[in-house]
Amino acid sequence: MKMEVMAKITSKGQVTIPKKMRDMLGSDVVRFRIENEKIVLEPVRDLGGVFKRYAKGLISFKEEREIAWEKVTHEYKEDP
């Protein structure tokens, strides 16, 4: 399906993606890249790969929460 829409870029560099196109993407996270002098926008459905470089290590959310809770309770015990 081919669809074409024109949009204005705001002074902050923002563009509104029309609702019909957003619905077609099936994701609220997108990736931009330049390809042959064109800006390509594509949906990102697997966030793990996108944010992998920011991961501090392989630790589950449950383990991370327990560590944070221990830090908070330890700090609370030390306060006079």
PDB file of N, CA and C in Angstrom:
ATOM      1  N   MET A   1       0.845  -1.178   0.000  1.00  0.00           N
ATOM      2  CA  MET A   1       0.000   0.000   0.000  1.00  0.00           C
ATOM      3  C   MET A   1       0.890   1.240   0.000  1.00  0.00           C
ATOM      4  N   LYS A   2       0.636   2.149  -0.862  1.00  0.00           N
ATOM      5  CA  LYS A   2       1.399   3.387  -0.937  1.00  0.00           C
ATOM      6  C   LYS A   2       0.532   4.520  -0.406  1.00  0.00           C
ATOM      7  N   MET A   3       1.112   5.307   0.503  1.00  0.00           N
ATOM      8  CA  MET A   3       0.412   6.445   1.075  1.00  0.00           C
ATOM      9  C   MET A   3       1.407   7.591   1.139  1.00  0.00           C
ATOM     10  N   GLU A   4       0.955   8.758   0.829  1.00  0.00           N
ATOM     11  CA  GLU A   4       1.826   9.928   0.853  1.00  0.00           C
ATOM     12  C   GLU A   4       1.104  11.085   1.514  1.00  0.00           C
ATOM     13  N   VAL A   5       1.806  11.744   2.447  1.00  0.00           N
ATOM     14  CA  VAL A   5       1.248  12.877   3.170  1.00  0.00           C
ATOM     15  C   VAL A   5       2.344  13.907   3.330  1.00  0.00           C
ATOM     16  N   MET A   6       2.004  15.172   3.214  1.00  0.00           N
ATOM     17  CA  MET A   6       2.979  16.234   3.458  1.00  0.00           C
ATOM     18  C   MET A   6       2.762  16.760   4.867  1.00  0.00           C
ATOM     19  N   ALA A   7       3.855  17.155   5.513  1.00  0.00           N
ATOM     20  CA  ALA A   7       3.765  17.682   6.879  1.00  0.00           C
ATOM     21  C   ALA A   7       4.804  18.778   7.049  1.00  0.00           C
ATOM     22  N   LYS A   8       4.543  19.670   7.996  1.00  0.00           N
ATOM     23  CA  LYS A   8       5.457  20.764   8.282  1.00  0.00           C
ATOM     24  C   LYS A   8       6.339  20.378   9.465  1.00  0.00           C
ATOM     25  N   ILE A   9       7.606  20.721   9.398  1.00  0.00           N
ATOM     26  CA  ILE A   9       8.526  20.501  10.500  1.00  0.00           C
ATOM     27  C   ILE A   9       8.471  21.744  11.386  1.00  0.00           C
ATOM     28  N   THR A  10       8.207  21.550  12.681  1.00  0.00           N
ATOM     29  CA  THR A  10       8.111  22.686  13.596  1.00  0.00           C
ATOM     30  C   THR A  10       9.504  23.253  13.886  1.00  0.00           C
ATOM     31  N   SER A  11       9.530  24.390  14.561  1.00  0.00           N
ATOM     32  CA  SER A  11      10.815  25.012  14.913  1.00  0.00           C
ATOM     33  C   SER A  11      11.632  24.128  15.850  1.00  0.00           C
ATOM     34  N   LYS A  12      10.970  23.185  16.529  1.00  0.00           N
ATOM     35  CA  LYS A  12      11.669  22.248  17.411  1.00  0.00           C
ATOM     36  C   LYS A  12      12.040  20.953  16.698  1.00  0.00           C
ATOM     37  N   GLY A  13      11.821  20.904  15.390  1.00  0.00           N
ATOM     38  CA  GLY A  13      12.168  19.717  14.611  1.00  0.00           C
ATOM     39  C   GLY A  13      11.150  18.597  14.710  1.00  0.00           C
ATOM     40  N   GLN A  14       9.941  18.911  15.126  1.00  0.00           N
ATOM     41  CA  GLN A  14       8.918  17.890  15.298  1.00  0.00           C
ATOM     42  C   GLN A  14       8.004  17.801  14.083  1.00  0.00           C
ATOM     43  N   VAL A  15       7.552  16.582  13.814  1.00  0.00           N
ATOM     44  CA  VAL A  15       6.606  16.318  12.730  1.00  0.00           C
ATOM     45  C   VAL A  15       5.513  15.423  13.296  1.00  0.00           C
ATOM     46  N   THR A  16       4.276  15.699  12.979  1.00  0.00           N
ATOM     47  CA  THR A  16       3.172  14.849  13.417  1.00  0.00           C
ATOM     48  C   THR A  16       2.939  13.781  12.368  1.00  0.00           C
ATOM     49  N   ILE A  17       2.981  12.529  12.808  1.00  0.00           N
ATOM     50  CA  ILE A  17       2.686  11.416  11.910  1.00  0.00           C
ATOM     51  C   ILE A  17       1.171  11.231  11.934  1.00  0.00           C
ATOM     52  N   PRO A  18       0.516  11.276  10.777  1.00  0.00           N
ATOM     53  CA  PRO A  18      -0.938  11.128  10.740  1.00  0.00           C
ATOM     54  C   PRO A  18      -1.393   9.831  11.420  1.00  0.00           C
ATOM     55  N   LYS A  19      -2.537   9.894  12.097  1.00  0.00           N
ATOM     56  CA  LYS A  19      -3.052   8.765  12.872  1.00  0.00           C
ATOM     57  C   LYS A  19      -3.135   7.487  12.051  1.00  0.00           C
ATOM     58  N   LYS A  20      -3.627   7.588  10.848  1.00  0.00           N
ATOM     59  CA  LYS A  20      -3.773   6.396  10.010  1.00  0.00           C
ATOM     60  C   LYS A  20      -2.416   5.717   9.796  1.00  0.00           C
ATOM     61  N   MET A  21      -1.374   6.533   9.604  1.00  0.00           N
ATOM     62  CA  MET A  21      -0.032   5.969   9.422  1.00  0.00           C
ATOM     63  C   MET A  21       0.500   5.385  10.733  1.00  0.00           C
ATOM     64  N   ARG A  22       0.251   6.075  11.854  1.00  0.00           N
ATOM     65  CA  ARG A  22       0.688   5.561  13.158  1.00  0.00           C
ATOM     66  C   ARG A  22       0.042   4.210  13.430  1.00  0.00           C
ATOM     67  N   ASP A  23      -1.233   4.100  13.116  1.00  0.00           N
ATOM     68  CA  ASP A  23      -1.938   2.832  13.311  1.00  0.00           C
ATOM     69  C   ASP A  23      -1.327   1.725  12.461  1.00  0.00           C
ATOM     70  N   MET A  24      -0.913   2.075  11.258  1.00  0.00           N
ATOM     71  CA  MET A  24      -0.309   1.097  10.359  1.00  0.00           C
ATOM     72  C   MET A  24       1.057   0.631  10.875  1.00  0.00           C
ATOM     73  N   LEU A  25       1.776   1.522  11.586  1.00  0.00           N
ATOM     74  CA  LEU A  25       3.092   1.160  12.103  1.00  0.00           C
ATOM     75  C   LEU A  25       2.998   0.052  13.153  1.00  0.00           C
ATOM     76  N   GLY A  26       1.959   0.106  13.973  1.00  0.00           N
ATOM     77  CA  GLY A  26       1.789  -0.921  14.990  1.00  0.00           C
ATOM     78  C   GLY A  26       2.773  -0.817  16.140  1.00  0.00           C
ATOM     79  N   SER A  27       3.407   0.336  16.309  1.00  0.00           N
ATOM     80  CA  SER A  27       4.363   0.550  17.397  1.00  0.00           C
ATOM     81  C   SER A  27       4.439   2.043  17.677  1.00  0.00           C
ATOM     82  N   ASP A  28       4.712   2.401  18.924  1.00  0.00           N
ATOM     83  CA  ASP A  28       4.868   3.823  19.228  1.00  0.00           C
ATOM     84  C   ASP A  28       6.344   4.196  19.382  1.00  0.00           C
ATOM     85  N   VAL A  29       7.223   3.286  18.970  1.00  0.00           N
ATOM     86  CA  VAL A  29       8.659   3.552  18.940  1.00  0.00           C
ATOM     87  C   VAL A  29       9.107   3.390  17.496  1.00  0.00           C
ATOM     88  N   VAL A  30       9.841   4.373  17.004  1.00  0.00           N
ATOM     89  CA  VAL A  30      10.306   4.318  15.620  1.00  0.00           C
ATOM     90  C   VAL A  30      11.809   4.551  15.550  1.00  0.00           C
ATOM     91  N   ARG A  31      12.379   4.140  14.454  1.00  0.00           N
ATOM     92  CA  ARG A  31      13.801   4.320  14.180  1.00  0.00           C
ATOM     93  C   ARG A  31      13.920   5.152  12.904  1.00  0.00           C
ATOM     94  N   PHE A  32      14.829   6.125  12.924  1.00  0.00           N
ATOM     95  CA  PHE A  32      15.110   6.931  11.743  1.00  0.00           C
ATOM     96  C   PHE A  32      16.464   6.513  11.180  1.00  0.00           C
ATOM     97  N   ARG A  33      16.580   6.530   9.865  1.00  0.00           N
ATOM     98  CA  ARG A  33      17.884   6.344   9.228  1.00  0.00           C
ATOM     99  C   ARG A  33      17.863   7.067   7.887  1.00  0.00           C
ATOM    100  N   ILE A  34      19.028   7.384   7.390  1.00  0.00           N
ATOM    101  CA  ILE A  34      19.125   8.024   6.077  1.00  0.00           C
ATOM    102  C   ILE A  34      19.599   6.960   5.097  1.00  0.00           C
ATOM    103  N   GLU A  35      18.870   6.865   4.007  1.00  0.00           N
ATOM    104  CA  GLU A  35      19.151   5.852   3.001  1.00  0.00           C
ATOM    105  C   GLU A  35      18.973   6.481   1.617  1.00  0.00           C
ATOM    106  N   ASN A  36      20.029   6.543   0.865  1.00  0.00           N
ATOM    107  CA  ASN A  36      19.976   7.129  -0.481  1.00  0.00           C
ATOM    108  C   ASN A  36      19.359   8.530  -0.469  1.00  0.00           C
ATOM    109  N   GLU A  37      19.839   9.370   0.449  1.00  0.00           N
ATOM    110  CA  GLU A  37      19.398  10.759   0.571  1.00  0.00           C
ATOM    111  C   GLU A  37      17.922  10.904   0.945  1.00  0.00           C
ATOM    112  N   LYS A  38      17.363   9.870   1.572  1.00  0.00           N
ATOM    113  CA  LYS A  38      15.980   9.909   2.042  1.00  0.00           C
ATOM    114  C   LYS A  38      15.973   9.541   3.520  1.00  0.00           C
ATOM    115  N   ILE A  39      15.053  10.144   4.272  1.00  0.00           N
ATOM    116  CA  ILE A  39      14.872   9.769   5.669  1.00  0.00           C
ATOM    117  C   ILE A  39      13.867   8.629   5.709  1.00  0.00           C
ATOM    118  N   VAL A  40      14.271   7.530   6.302  1.00  0.00           N
ATOM    119  CA  VAL A  40      13.401   6.358   6.421  1.00  0.00           C
ATOM    120  C   VAL A  40      13.004   6.223   7.887  1.00  0.00           C
ATOM    121  N   LEU A  41      11.718   6.087   8.129  1.00  0.00           N
ATOM    122  CA  LEU A  41      11.175   5.903   9.461  1.00  0.00           C
ATOM    123  C   LEU A  41      10.550   4.515   9.484  1.00  0.00           C
ATOM    124  N   GLU A  42      10.940   3.695  10.461  1.00  0.00           N
ATOM    125  CA  GLU A  42      10.374   2.353  10.528  1.00  0.00           C
ATOM    126  C   GLU A  42       9.999   2.006  11.958  1.00  0.00           C
ATOM    127  N   PRO A  43       8.966   1.189  12.135  1.00  0.00           N
ATOM    128  CA  PRO A  43       8.542   0.823  13.482  1.00  0.00           C
ATOM    129  C   PRO A  43       9.565  -0.090  14.148  1.00  0.00           C
ATOM    130  N   VAL A  44       9.678   0.042  15.459  1.00  0.00           N
ATOM    131  CA  VAL A  44      10.537  -0.843  16.244  1.00  0.00           C
ATOM    132  C   VAL A  44       9.621  -1.658  17.129  1.00  0.00           C
ATOM    133  N   ARG A  45       9.644  -2.948  16.951  1.00  0.00           N
ATOM    134  CA  ARG A  45       8.752  -3.810  17.729  1.00  0.00           C
ATOM    135  C   ARG A  45       9.504  -4.587  18.799  1.00  0.00           C
ATOM    136  N   ASP A  46      10.829  -4.699  18.651  1.00  0.00           N
ATOM    137  CA  ASP A  46      11.653  -5.411  19.624  1.00  0.00           C
ATOM    138  C   ASP A  46      12.545  -4.397  20.327  1.00  0.00           C
ATOM    139  N   LEU A  47      12.091  -3.888  21.459  1.00  0.00           N
ATOM    140  CA  LEU A  47      12.843  -2.856  22.164  1.00  0.00           C
ATOM    141  C   LEU A  47      14.117  -3.376  22.790  1.00  0.00           C
ATOM    142  N   GLY A  48      14.187  -4.647  23.068  1.00  0.00           N
ATOM    143  CA  GLY A  48      15.387  -5.196  23.676  1.00  0.00           C
ATOM    144  C   GLY A  48      16.622  -4.921  22.837  1.00  0.00           C
ATOM    145  N   GLY A  49      16.502  -5.081  21.542  1.00  0.00           N
ATOM    146  CA  GLY A  49      17.636  -4.837  20.660  1.00  0.00           C
ATOM    147  C   GLY A  49      18.020  -3.374  20.580  1.00  0.00           C
ATOM    148  N   VAL A  50      17.023  -2.496  20.620  1.00  0.00           N
ATOM    149  CA  VAL A  50      17.273  -1.063  20.514  1.00  0.00           C
ATOM    150  C   VAL A  50      18.000  -0.537  21.743  1.00  0.00           C
ATOM    151  N   PHE A  51      17.581  -0.977  22.924  1.00  0.00           N
ATOM    152  CA  PHE A  51      18.142  -0.466  24.166  1.00  0.00           C
ATOM    153  C   PHE A  51      19.241  -1.353  24.740  1.00  0.00           C
ATOM    154  N   LYS A  52      19.631  -2.375  24.006  1.00  0.00           N
ATOM    155  CA  LYS A  52      20.640  -3.318  24.480  1.00  0.00           C
ATOM    156  C   LYS A  52      21.932  -2.621  24.889  1.00  0.00           C
ATOM    157  N   ARG A  53      22.348  -1.616  24.125  1.00  0.00           N
ATOM    158  CA  ARG A  53      23.611  -0.944  24.426  1.00  0.00           C
ATOM    159  C   ARG A  53      23.567  -0.180  25.748  1.00  0.00           C
ATOM    160  N   TYR A  54      22.362   0.114  26.258  1.00  0.00           N
ATOM    161  CA  TYR A  54      22.232   0.837  27.520  1.00  0.00           C
ATOM    162  C   TYR A  54      22.144  -0.102  28.727  1.00  0.00           C
ATOM    163  N   ALA A  55      22.008  -1.379  28.474  1.00  0.00           N
ATOM    164  CA  ALA A  55      21.872  -2.333  29.563  1.00  0.00           C
ATOM    165  C   ALA A  55      23.161  -2.405  30.367  1.00  0.00           C
ATOM    166  N   LYS A  56      23.016  -2.433  31.683  1.00  0.00           N
ATOM    167  CA  LYS A  56      24.185  -2.495  32.563  1.00  0.00           C
ATOM    168  C   LYS A  56      24.649  -3.924  32.754  1.00  0.00           C
ATOM    169  N   GLY A  57      23.806  -4.852  32.561  1.00  0.00           N
ATOM    170  CA  GLY A  57      24.147  -6.257  32.739  1.00  0.00           C
ATOM    171  C   GLY A  57      22.904  -7.111  32.615  1.00  0.00           C
ATOM    172  N   LEU A  58      23.111  -8.392  32.648  1.00  0.00           N
ATOM    173  CA  LEU A  58      21.969  -9.296  32.515  1.00  0.00           C
ATOM    174  C   LEU A  58      21.399  -9.570  33.902  1.00  0.00           C
ATOM    175  N   ILE A  59      20.448  -8.759  34.293  1.00  0.00           N
ATOM    176  CA  ILE A  59      19.810  -8.890  35.598  1.00  0.00           C
ATOM    177  C   ILE A  59      18.317  -8.684  35.407  1.00  0.00           C
ATOM    178  N   SER A  60      17.537  -9.499  36.073  1.00  0.00           N
ATOM    179  CA  SER A  60      16.085  -9.409  35.910  1.00  0.00           C
ATOM    180  C   SER A  60      15.547  -8.186  36.649  1.00  0.00           C
ATOM    181  N   PHE A  61      14.345  -7.799  36.265  1.00  0.00           N
ATOM    182  CA  PHE A  61      13.693  -6.673  36.935  1.00  0.00           C
ATOM    183  C   PHE A  61      13.521  -6.976  38.417  1.00  0.00           C
ATOM    184  N   LYS A  62      13.141  -8.208  38.730  1.00  0.00           N
ATOM    185  CA  LYS A  62      12.929  -8.606  40.129  1.00  0.00           C
ATOM    186  C   LYS A  62      14.229  -8.438  40.926  1.00  0.00           C
ATOM    187  N   GLU A  63      15.339  -8.896  40.371  1.00  0.00           N
ATOM    188  CA  GLU A  63      16.625  -8.760  41.059  1.00  0.00           C
ATOM    189  C   GLU A  63      17.014  -7.289  41.219  1.00  0.00           C
ATOM    190  N   GLU A  64      16.792  -6.509  40.176  1.00  0.00           N
ATOM    191  CA  GLU A  64      17.104  -5.079  40.230  1.00  0.00           C
ATOM    192  C   GLU A  64      16.279  -4.391  41.312  1.00  0.00           C
ATOM    193  N   ARG A  65      15.007  -4.733  41.411  1.00  0.00           N
ATOM    194  CA  ARG A  65      14.135  -4.153  42.423  1.00  0.00           C
ATOM    195  C   ARG A  65      14.585  -4.538  43.827  1.00  0.00           C
ATOM    196  N   GLU A  66      14.986  -5.797  44.026  1.00  0.00           N
ATOM    197  CA  GLU A  66      15.457  -6.245  45.338  1.00  0.00           C
ATOM    198  C   GLU A  66      16.727  -5.513  45.754  1.00  0.00           C
ATOM    199  N   ILE A  67      17.644  -5.299  44.811  1.00  0.00           N
ATOM    200  CA  ILE A  67      18.879  -4.569  45.094  1.00  0.00           C
ATOM    201  C   ILE A  67      18.553  -3.132  45.487  1.00  0.00           C
ATOM    202  N   ALA A  68      17.655  -2.505  44.739  1.00  0.00           N
ATOM    203  CA  ALA A  68      17.271  -1.121  45.037  1.00  0.00           C
ATOM    204  C   ALA A  68      16.621  -1.043  46.414  1.00  0.00           C
ATOM    205  N   TRP A  69      15.763  -2.013  46.738  1.00  0.00           N
ATOM    206  CA  TRP A  69      15.080  -2.012  48.033  1.00  0.00           C
ATOM    207  C   TRP A  69      16.095  -2.164  49.171  1.00  0.00           C
ATOM    208  N   GLU A  70      17.077  -3.025  48.969  1.00  0.00           N
ATOM    209  CA  GLU A  70      18.123  -3.204  49.982  1.00  0.00           C
ATOM    210  C   GLU A  70      18.899  -1.905  50.197  1.00  0.00           C
ATOM    211  N   LYS A  71      19.219  -1.204  49.137  1.00  0.00           N
ATOM    212  CA  LYS A  71      19.932   0.068  49.251  1.00  0.00           C
ATOM    213  C   LYS A  71      19.107   1.087  50.030  1.00  0.00           C
ATOM    214  N   VAL A  72      17.826   1.166  49.715  1.00  0.00           N
ATOM    215  CA  VAL A  72      16.956   2.129  50.389  1.00  0.00           C
ATOM    216  C   VAL A  72      16.839   1.795  51.870  1.00  0.00           C
ATOM    217  N   THR A  73      16.600   0.535  52.205  1.00  0.00           N
ATOM    218  CA  THR A  73      16.448   0.157  53.611  1.00  0.00           C
ATOM    219  C   THR A  73      17.756   0.321  54.366  1.00  0.00           C
ATOM    220  N   HIS A  74      18.886   0.055  53.717  1.00  0.00           N
ATOM    221  CA  HIS A  74      20.194   0.237  54.342  1.00  0.00           C
ATOM    222  C   HIS A  74      20.429   1.711  54.646  1.00  0.00           C
ATOM    223  N   GLU A  75      20.111   2.592  53.709  1.00  0.00           N
ATOM    224  CA  GLU A  75      20.276   4.030  53.918  1.00  0.00           C
ATOM    225  C   GLU A  75      19.349   4.520  55.032  1.00  0.00           C
ATOM    226  N   TYR A  76      18.153   3.963  55.105  1.00  0.00           N
ATOM    227  CA  TYR A  76      17.187   4.369  56.136  1.00  0.00           C
ATOM    228  C   TYR A  76      17.702   3.985  57.521  1.00  0.00           C
ATOM    229  N   LYS A  77      18.299   2.806  57.622  1.00  0.00           N
ATOM    230  CA  LYS A  77      18.823   2.338  58.909  1.00  0.00           C
ATOM    231  C   LYS A  77      19.985   3.194  59.381  1.00  0.00           C
ATOM    232  N   GLU A  78      20.760   3.747  58.437  1.00  0.00           N
ATOM    233  CA  GLU A  78      21.924   4.544  58.796  1.00  0.00           C
ATOM    234  C   GLU A  78      21.559   5.963  59.216  1.00  0.00           C
ATOM    235  N   ASP A  79      20.410   6.469  58.799  1.00  0.00           N
ATOM    236  CA  ASP A  79      19.995   7.826  59.164  1.00  0.00           C
ATOM    237  C   ASP A  79      19.676   7.891  60.654  1.00  0.00           C
ATOM    238  N   PRO A  80      20.175   8.928  61.371  1.00  0.00           N
ATOM    239  CA  PRO A  80      19.899   9.055  62.816  1.00  0.00           C
ATOM    240  C   PRO A  80      18.475   9.475  63.088  1.00  0.00           C
TER     241      PRO A  80
END
